[in-house]
PDB file of N, CA and C in Angstrom:
ATOM      1  N   MET A   1      16.049  -4.470   5.856  1.00  0.00           N
ATOM      2  CA  MET A   1      14.855  -5.005   5.797  1.00  0.00           C
ATOM      3  C   MET A   1      13.919  -3.977   6.065  1.00  0.00           C
ATOM      4  N   ILE A   2      12.511  -3.650   5.571  1.00  0.00           N
ATOM      5  CA  ILE A   2      11.478  -2.957   6.702  1.00  0.00           C
ATOM      6  C   ILE A   2      10.243  -3.440   6.499  1.00  0.00           C
ATOM      7  N   SER A   3       9.222  -3.124   7.267  1.00  0.00           N
ATOM      8  CA  SER A   3       7.787  -3.863   7.201  1.00  0.00           C
ATOM      9  C   SER A   3       7.092  -2.596   7.665  1.00  0.00           C
ATOM     10  N   ALA A   4       6.163  -2.469   6.966  1.00  0.00           N
ATOM     11  CA  ALA A   4       4.902  -1.568   6.225  1.00  0.00           C
ATOM     12  C   ALA A   4       4.112  -1.572   6.784  1.00  0.00           C
ATOM     13  N   GLU A   5       3.237  -1.301   7.010  1.00  0.00           N
ATOM     14  CA  GLU A   5       1.379  -1.460   7.837  1.00  0.00           C
ATOM     15  C   GLU A   5       1.096  -0.283   6.972  1.00  0.00           C
ATOM     16  N   VAL A   6       0.314  -0.514   5.950  1.00  0.00           N
ATOM     17  CA  VAL A   6      -0.558   0.886   4.642  1.00  0.00           C
ATOM     18  C   VAL A   6      -2.403   0.393   5.176  1.00  0.00           C
ATOM     19  N   SER A   7      -2.826   1.808   5.003  1.00  0.00           N
ATOM     20  CA  SER A   7      -4.497   1.777   4.918  1.00  0.00           C
ATOM     21  C   SER A   7      -4.576   2.877   3.805  1.00  0.00           C
ATOM     22  N   ILE A   8      -5.277   2.448   3.090  1.00  0.00           N
ATOM     23  CA  ILE A   8      -5.833   4.301   1.716  1.00  0.00           C
ATOM     24  C   ILE A   8      -7.562   3.462   2.300  1.00  0.00           C
ATOM     25  N   TYR A   9      -7.235   5.102   1.933  1.00  0.00           N
ATOM     26  CA  TYR A   9      -8.591   5.937   2.031  1.00  0.00           C
ATOM     27  C   TYR A   9      -9.260   6.826   1.418  1.00  0.00           C
ATOM     28  N   PRO A  10      -9.589   5.727   0.318  1.00  0.00           N
ATOM     29  CA  PRO A  10      -9.976   7.078  -1.059  1.00  0.00           C
ATOM     30  C   PRO A  10     -11.386   8.253  -0.800  1.00  0.00           C
ATOM     31  N   LEU A  11     -11.337   9.231  -1.194  1.00  0.00           N
ATOM     32  CA  LEU A  11     -11.918  10.377  -0.556  1.00  0.00           C
ATOM     33  C   LEU A  11     -13.190  10.477  -1.248  1.00  0.00           C
ATOM     34  N   LYS A  12     -14.236  10.623  -1.384  1.00  0.00           N
ATOM     35  CA  LYS A  12     -15.720  11.572  -2.200  1.00  0.00           C
ATOM     36  C   LYS A  12     -15.342  10.834  -3.519  1.00  0.00           C
ATOM     37  N   THR A  13     -16.559   9.369  -3.409  1.00  0.00           N
ATOM     38  CA  THR A  13     -15.851   8.167  -4.422  1.00  0.00           C
ATOM     39  C   THR A  13     -16.685   7.656  -3.836  1.00  0.00           C
ATOM     40  N   THR A  14     -17.752   7.165  -4.655  1.00  0.00           N
ATOM     41  CA  THR A  14     -18.815   5.408  -4.296  1.00  0.00           C
ATOM     42  C   THR A  14     -17.636   3.949  -4.853  1.00  0.00           C
ATOM     43  N   GLN A  15     -16.215   4.158  -5.337  1.00  0.00           N
ATOM     44  CA  GLN A  15     -15.882   2.856  -5.543  1.00  0.00           C
ATOM     45  C   GLN A  15     -14.685   3.005  -5.339  1.00  0.00           C
ATOM     46  N   ALA A  16     -14.653   2.936  -3.850  1.00  0.00           N
ATOM     47  CA  ALA A  16     -13.383   2.915  -2.666  1.00  0.00           C
ATOM     48  C   ALA A  16     -12.566   1.576  -2.442  1.00  0.00           C
ATOM     49  N   THR A  17     -13.673   0.587  -2.737  1.00  0.00           N
ATOM     50  CA  THR A  17     -13.272  -0.698  -2.733  1.00  0.00           C
ATOM     51  C   THR A  17     -11.985  -1.079  -4.139  1.00  0.00           C
ATOM     52  N   ASN A  18     -12.937  -0.391  -5.351  1.00  0.00           N
ATOM     53  CA  ASN A  18     -12.378  -0.520  -6.296  1.00  0.00           C
ATOM     54  C   ASN A  18     -10.413   0.355  -6.147  1.00  0.00           C
ATOM     55  N   VAL A  19     -10.546   1.237  -5.598  1.00  0.00           N
ATOM     56  CA  VAL A  19      -9.217   1.960  -6.132  1.00  0.00           C
ATOM     57  C   VAL A  19      -8.334   1.399  -5.081  1.00  0.00           C
ATOM     58  N   ILE A  20      -9.048   0.517  -3.612  1.00  0.00           N
ATOM     59  CA  ILE A  20      -8.237   0.186  -3.148  1.00  0.00           C
ATOM     60  C   ILE A  20      -6.965  -0.472  -3.844  1.00  0.00           C
ATOM     61  N   ASN A  21      -8.202  -1.550  -4.154  1.00  0.00           N
ATOM     62  CA  ASN A  21      -7.321  -3.082  -4.899  1.00  0.00           C
ATOM     63  C   ASN A  21      -6.749  -3.018  -6.291  1.00  0.00           C
ATOM     64  N   GLU A  22      -6.826  -1.508  -6.789  1.00  0.00           N
ATOM     65  CA  GLU A  22      -6.480  -1.419  -7.962  1.00  0.00           C
ATOM     66  C   GLU A  22      -5.033  -0.942  -7.214  1.00  0.00           C
ATOM     67  N   ALA A  23      -4.927  -0.430  -6.112  1.00  0.00           N
ATOM     68  CA  ALA A  23      -3.762  -0.270  -4.836  1.00  0.00           C
ATOM     69  C   ALA A  23      -3.104  -1.285  -4.769  1.00  0.00           C
ATOM     70  N   ILE A  24      -3.728  -1.698  -4.839  1.00  0.00           N
ATOM     71  CA  ILE A  24      -2.353  -3.771  -4.300  1.00  0.00           C
ATOM     72  C   ILE A  24      -2.187  -4.340  -4.821  1.00  0.00           C
ATOM     73  N   ASN A  25      -2.798  -4.105  -6.221  1.00  0.00           N
ATOM     74  CA  ASN A  25      -2.170  -4.928  -7.328  1.00  0.00           C
ATOM     75  C   ASN A  25      -1.544  -4.868  -8.004  1.00  0.00           C
ATOM     76  N   LYS A  26      -1.146  -3.073  -7.602  1.00  0.00           N
ATOM     77  CA  LYS A  26       0.379  -2.818  -7.874  1.00  0.00           C
ATOM     78  C   LYS A  26       2.102  -3.483  -7.352  1.00  0.00           C
ATOM     79  N   LEU A  27       1.415  -4.069  -6.254  1.00  0.00           N
ATOM     80  CA  LEU A  27       2.273  -5.097  -6.084  1.00  0.00           C
ATOM     81  C   LEU A  27       2.958  -6.623  -6.486  1.00  0.00           C
ATOM     82  N   ASP A  28       1.513  -6.784  -7.000  1.00  0.00           N
ATOM     83  CA  ASP A  28       1.779  -8.306  -8.318  1.00  0.00           C
ATOM     84  C   ASP A  28       3.134  -8.053  -7.997  1.00  0.00           C
ATOM     85  N   GLY A  29       3.727  -9.500  -8.185  1.00  0.00           N
ATOM     86  CA  GLY A  29       5.728  -9.040  -8.803  1.00  0.00           C
ATOM     87  C   GLY A  29       6.324  -8.525  -8.582  1.00  0.00           C
ATOM     88  N   GLN A  30       6.116  -7.256  -7.539  1.00  0.00           N
ATOM     89  CA  GLN A  30       7.069  -6.885  -6.882  1.00  0.00           C
ATOM     90  C   GLN A  30       7.905  -8.002  -5.961  1.00  0.00           C
ATOM     91  N   ALA A  31       9.207  -7.025  -5.764  1.00  0.00           N
ATOM     92  CA  ALA A  31      10.925  -7.102  -4.379  1.00  0.00           C
ATOM     93  C   ALA A  31       9.737  -7.084  -3.706  1.00  0.00           C
ATOM     94  N   VAL A  32       8.776  -7.419  -3.143  1.00  0.00           N
ATOM     95  CA  VAL A  32       7.805  -7.229  -1.786  1.00  0.00           C
ATOM     96  C   VAL A  32       6.518  -8.570  -1.550  1.00  0.00           C
ATOM     97  N   ASP A  33       7.052  -8.804   0.401  1.00  0.00           N
ATOM     98  CA  ASP A  33       5.996  -9.837   0.687  1.00  0.00           C
ATOM     99  C   ASP A  33       5.014  -9.078   1.292  1.00  0.00           C
ATOM    100  N   TYR A  34       3.721  -9.395   0.478  1.00  0.00           N
ATOM    101  CA  TYR A  34       3.034  -8.627   1.223  1.00  0.00           C
ATOM    102  C   TYR A  34       2.070  -9.613   1.806  1.00  0.00           C
ATOM    103  N   HIS A  35       0.608  -8.821   3.058  1.00  0.00           N
ATOM    104  CA  HIS A  35      -1.100 -10.090   2.779  1.00  0.00           C
ATOM    105  C   HIS A  35      -1.649  -9.299   3.503  1.00  0.00           C
ATOM    106  N   VAL A  36      -2.829  -8.593   2.790  1.00  0.00           N
ATOM    107  CA  VAL A  36      -3.811  -8.773   2.652  1.00  0.00           C
ATOM    108  C   VAL A  36      -4.760  -8.425   3.904  1.00  0.00           C
ATOM    109  N   GLY A  37      -5.020  -7.507   4.500  1.00  0.00           N
ATOM    110  CA  GLY A  37      -5.374  -7.855   5.639  1.00  0.00           C
ATOM    111  C   GLY A  37      -7.072  -6.993   6.093  1.00  0.00           C
ATOM    112  N   SER A  38      -7.748  -6.764   7.163  1.00  0.00           N
ATOM    113  CA  SER A  38      -9.281  -6.535   6.568  1.00  0.00           C
ATOM    114  C   SER A  38      -8.785  -4.742   6.469  1.00  0.00           C
ATOM    115  N   ILE A  39      -8.354  -3.963   7.257  1.00  0.00           N
ATOM    116  CA  ILE A  39      -8.036  -3.068   6.870  1.00  0.00           C
ATOM    117  C   ILE A  39      -6.964  -2.452   6.858  1.00  0.00           C
ATOM    118  N   SER A  40      -5.335  -3.686   6.719  1.00  0.00           N
ATOM    119  CA  SER A  40      -4.765  -2.806   6.145  1.00  0.00           C
ATOM    120  C   SER A  40      -3.432  -4.072   4.936  1.00  0.00           C
ATOM    121  N   THR A  41      -3.080  -3.774   4.680  1.00  0.00           N
ATOM    122  CA  THR A  41      -2.184  -4.104   3.545  1.00  0.00           C
ATOM    123  C   THR A  41      -0.514  -4.435   4.327  1.00  0.00           C
ATOM    124  N   TYR A  42      -0.264  -5.590   4.228  1.00  0.00           N
ATOM    125  CA  TYR A  42       1.663  -5.871   5.890  1.00  0.00           C
ATOM    126  C   TYR A  42       2.470  -5.833   4.163  1.00  0.00           C
ATOM    127  N   LEU A  43       3.654  -4.773   4.381  1.00  0.00           N
ATOM    128  CA  LEU A  43       4.448  -5.748   3.576  1.00  0.00           C
ATOM    129  C   LEU A  43       5.446  -5.550   4.005  1.00  0.00           C
ATOM    130  N   GLU A  44       6.568  -6.250   3.643  1.00  0.00           N
ATOM    131  CA  GLU A  44       8.052  -6.902   3.947  1.00  0.00           C
ATOM    132  C   GLU A  44       9.084  -6.793   2.764  1.00  0.00           C
ATOM    133  N   GLY A  45      10.408  -6.230   2.804  1.00  0.00           N
ATOM    134  CA  GLY A  45      11.354  -6.805   1.756  1.00  0.00           C
ATOM    135  C   GLY A  45      12.066  -5.010   1.765  1.00  0.00           C
ATOM    136  N   GLU A  46      12.611  -5.105   0.846  1.00  0.00           N
ATOM    137  CA  GLU A  46      14.330  -4.353   1.452  1.00  0.00           C
ATOM    138  C   GLU A  46      14.636  -2.947   1.222  1.00  0.00           C
ATOM    139  N   GLU A  47      14.449  -1.704   2.109  1.00  0.00           N
ATOM    140  CA  GLU A  47      14.105  -1.099   2.574  1.00  0.00           C
ATOM    141  C   GLU A  47      13.986   0.372   1.266  1.00  0.00           C
ATOM    142  N   GLU A  48      14.525  -0.133   0.315  1.00  0.00           N
ATOM    143  CA  GLU A  48      14.357   0.833  -0.765  1.00  0.00           C
ATOM    144  C   GLU A  48      13.019   0.072  -2.139  1.00  0.00           C
ATOM    145  N   GLU A  49      12.644  -1.394  -1.469  1.00  0.00           N
ATOM    146  CA  GLU A  49      11.847  -1.417  -2.176  1.00  0.00           C
ATOM    147  C   GLU A  49      10.620  -1.279  -1.411  1.00  0.00           C
ATOM    148  N   VAL A  50      10.327  -1.943  -0.783  1.00  0.00           N
ATOM    149  CA  VAL A  50       9.478  -1.365  -0.001  1.00  0.00           C
ATOM    150  C   VAL A  50       8.640   0.204  -0.221  1.00  0.00           C
ATOM    151  N   TRP A  51       9.555   1.163   0.430  1.00  0.00           N
ATOM    152  CA  TRP A  51       9.538   2.785  -0.092  1.00  0.00           C
ATOM    153  C   TRP A  51       8.457   2.898  -1.497  1.00  0.00           C
ATOM    154  N   SER A  52       9.373   2.509  -2.600  1.00  0.00           N
ATOM    155  CA  SER A  52       9.181   2.581  -4.050  1.00  0.00           C
ATOM    156  C   SER A  52       7.327   2.115  -3.760  1.00  0.00           C
ATOM    157  N   ASN A  53       7.362   1.127  -3.076  1.00  0.00           N
ATOM    158  CA  ASN A  53       6.358   0.024  -3.457  1.00  0.00           C
ATOM    159  C   ASN A  53       5.133   1.016  -3.097  1.00  0.00           C
ATOM    160  N   LEU A  54       5.952   1.701  -1.622  1.00  0.00           N
ATOM    161  CA  LEU A  54       3.924   2.529  -1.365  1.00  0.00           C
ATOM    162  C   LEU A  54       3.968   3.437  -2.369  1.00  0.00           C
ATOM    163  N   GLN A  55       5.318   4.123  -2.425  1.00  0.00           N
ATOM    164  CA  GLN A  55       4.558   5.145  -4.117  1.00  0.00           C
ATOM    165  C   GLN A  55       3.499   4.680  -4.864  1.00  0.00           C
ATOM    166  N   LYS A  56       4.002   3.832  -5.159  1.00  0.00           N
ATOM    167  CA  LYS A  56       3.455   2.448  -6.627  1.00  0.00           C
ATOM    168  C   LYS A  56       2.072   3.139  -6.021  1.00  0.00           C
ATOM    169  N   MET A  57       1.434   2.611  -5.176  1.00  0.00           N
ATOM    170  CA  MET A  57      -0.294   2.252  -4.433  1.00  0.00           C
ATOM    171  C   MET A  57      -0.472   3.818  -4.251  1.00  0.00           C
ATOM    172  N   PHE A  58       0.443   4.576  -3.836  1.00  0.00           N
ATOM    173  CA  PHE A  58      -0.463   5.762  -3.546  1.00  0.00           C
ATOM    174  C   PHE A  58      -0.426   6.845  -4.739  1.00  0.00           C
ATOM    175  N   SER A  59       0.283   6.346  -5.729  1.00  0.00           N
ATOM    176  CA  SER A  59       0.181   7.032  -7.347  1.00  0.00           C
ATOM    177  C   SER A  59      -1.119   6.315  -7.922  1.00  0.00           C
ATOM    178  N   SER A  60      -1.210   5.151  -7.977  1.00  0.00           N
ATOM    179  CA  SER A  60      -2.447   4.135  -8.033  1.00  0.00           C
ATOM    180  C   SER A  60      -4.176   4.802  -7.668  1.00  0.00           C
ATOM    181  N   ALA A  61      -3.713   5.258  -6.502  1.00  0.00           N
ATOM    182  CA  ALA A  61      -5.013   5.033  -5.903  1.00  0.00           C
ATOM    183  C   ALA A  61      -4.628   6.786  -6.276  1.00  0.00           C
ATOM    184  N   GLY A  62      -4.293   7.331  -5.848  1.00  0.00           N
ATOM    185  CA  GLY A  62      -4.222   9.035  -6.052  1.00  0.00           C
ATOM    186  C   GLY A  62      -5.014   9.513  -7.657  1.00  0.00           C
ATOM    187  N   GLN A  63      -5.011   8.152  -8.779  1.00  0.00           N
ATOM    188  CA  GLN A  63      -4.937   8.703 -10.385  1.00  0.00           C
ATOM    189  C   GLN A  63      -6.366   9.357 -10.187  1.00  0.00           C
ATOM    190  N   SER A  64      -7.072   8.198  -9.284  1.00  0.00           N
ATOM    191  CA  SER A  64      -8.747   8.505  -8.853  1.00  0.00           C
ATOM    192  C   SER A  64      -9.240   9.427  -8.545  1.00  0.00           C
ATOM    193  N   GLY A  65      -8.769  10.326  -7.769  1.00  0.00           N
ATOM    194  CA  GLY A  65      -8.989  11.610  -7.543  1.00  0.00           C
ATOM    195  C   GLY A  65      -8.474  11.599  -5.962  1.00  0.00           C
ATOM    196  N   GLU A  66      -8.946  12.665  -5.058  1.00  0.00           N
ATOM    197  CA  GLU A  66      -8.371  12.432  -3.784  1.00  0.00           C
ATOM    198  C   GLU A  66      -8.033  11.365  -2.439  1.00  0.00           C
ATOM    199  N   VAL A  67      -7.368  11.110  -1.687  1.00  0.00           N
ATOM    200  CA  VAL A  67      -7.478   9.835  -1.579  1.00  0.00           C
ATOM    201  C   VAL A  67      -6.226  10.451  -0.073  1.00  0.00           C
ATOM    202  N   SER A  68      -6.328   9.018   1.012  1.00  0.00           N
ATOM    203  CA  SER A  68      -5.513   9.800   2.379  1.00  0.00           C
ATOM    204  C   SER A  68      -4.064   7.991   2.111  1.00  0.00           C
ATOM    205  N   MET A  69      -3.185   8.790   2.538  1.00  0.00           N
ATOM    206  CA  MET A  69      -2.787   6.627   3.325  1.00  0.00           C
ATOM    207  C   MET A  69      -1.817   7.433   4.423  1.00  0.00           C
ATOM    208  N   VAL A  70      -2.749   5.740   5.369  1.00  0.00           N
ATOM    209  CA  VAL A  70      -2.246   6.034   6.247  1.00  0.00           C
ATOM    210  C   VAL A  70      -0.939   4.773   6.540  1.00  0.00           C
ATOM    211  N   VAL A  71       0.491   5.165   6.857  1.00  0.00           N
ATOM    212  CA  VAL A  71       2.209   3.924   7.015  1.00  0.00           C
ATOM    213  C   VAL A  71       2.246   3.766   8.249  1.00  0.00           C
ATOM    214  N   THR A  72       2.983   3.131   8.951  1.00  0.00           N
ATOM    215  CA  THR A  72       3.099   2.026   9.490  1.00  0.00           C
ATOM    216  C   THR A  72       4.796   2.190   9.269  1.00  0.00           C
ATOM    217  N   ILE A  73       5.948   1.975   9.712  1.00  0.00           N
ATOM    218  CA  ILE A  73       7.355   1.565   8.409  1.00  0.00           C
ATOM    219  C   ILE A  73       7.874   1.452  10.191  1.00  0.00           C
ATOM    220  N   THR A  74       8.440  -0.028  10.376  1.00  0.00           N
ATOM    221  CA  THR A  74       9.729  -0.099  10.989  1.00  0.00           C
ATOM    222  C   THR A  74      11.101  -1.048  10.567  1.00  0.00           C
ATOM    223  N   ASN A  75      11.788  -0.780  11.071  1.00  0.00           N
ATOM    224  CA  ASN A  75      12.603  -1.418  10.633  1.00  0.00           C
ATOM    225  C   ASN A  75      13.161  -2.863  11.758  1.00  0.00           C
ATOM    226  N   ALA A  76      12.842  -2.335  12.933  1.00  0.00           N
ATOM    227  CA  ALA A  76      12.598  -4.067  14.117  1.00  0.00           C
ATOM    228  C   ALA A  76      12.182  -5.624  13.351  1.00  0.00           C
ATOM    229  N   ALA A  77      13.304  -6.294  14.108  1.00  0.00           N
ATOM    230  CA  ALA A  77      12.698  -7.611  13.444  1.00  0.00           C
ATOM    231  C   ALA A  77      11.360  -7.951  14.573  1.00  0.00           C
ATOM    232  N   LYS A  78      10.789  -9.170  14.402  1.00  0.00           N
ATOM    233  CA  LYS A  78       9.760  -9.608  14.193  1.00  0.00           C
ATOM    234  C   LYS A  78      10.085 -10.589  15.390  1.00  0.00           C
TER     235      LYS A  78
END
């Protein structure tokens, strides 16, 4: 089990909120628990699922143009 905190920063766009929300929507129905905060989204689940879903989020956001994604990962227990 791992946890991740992720922030997505779309660059050179006036549609940043839409890009971020589309990336977060990729988590719906996936085998990870997530919570959307004011500046980050928190994921928790099996290691393979968390990594896979981070990649889905990055790919989704990247379809709209340049993007930076900041991720902190831990395997420490809560």
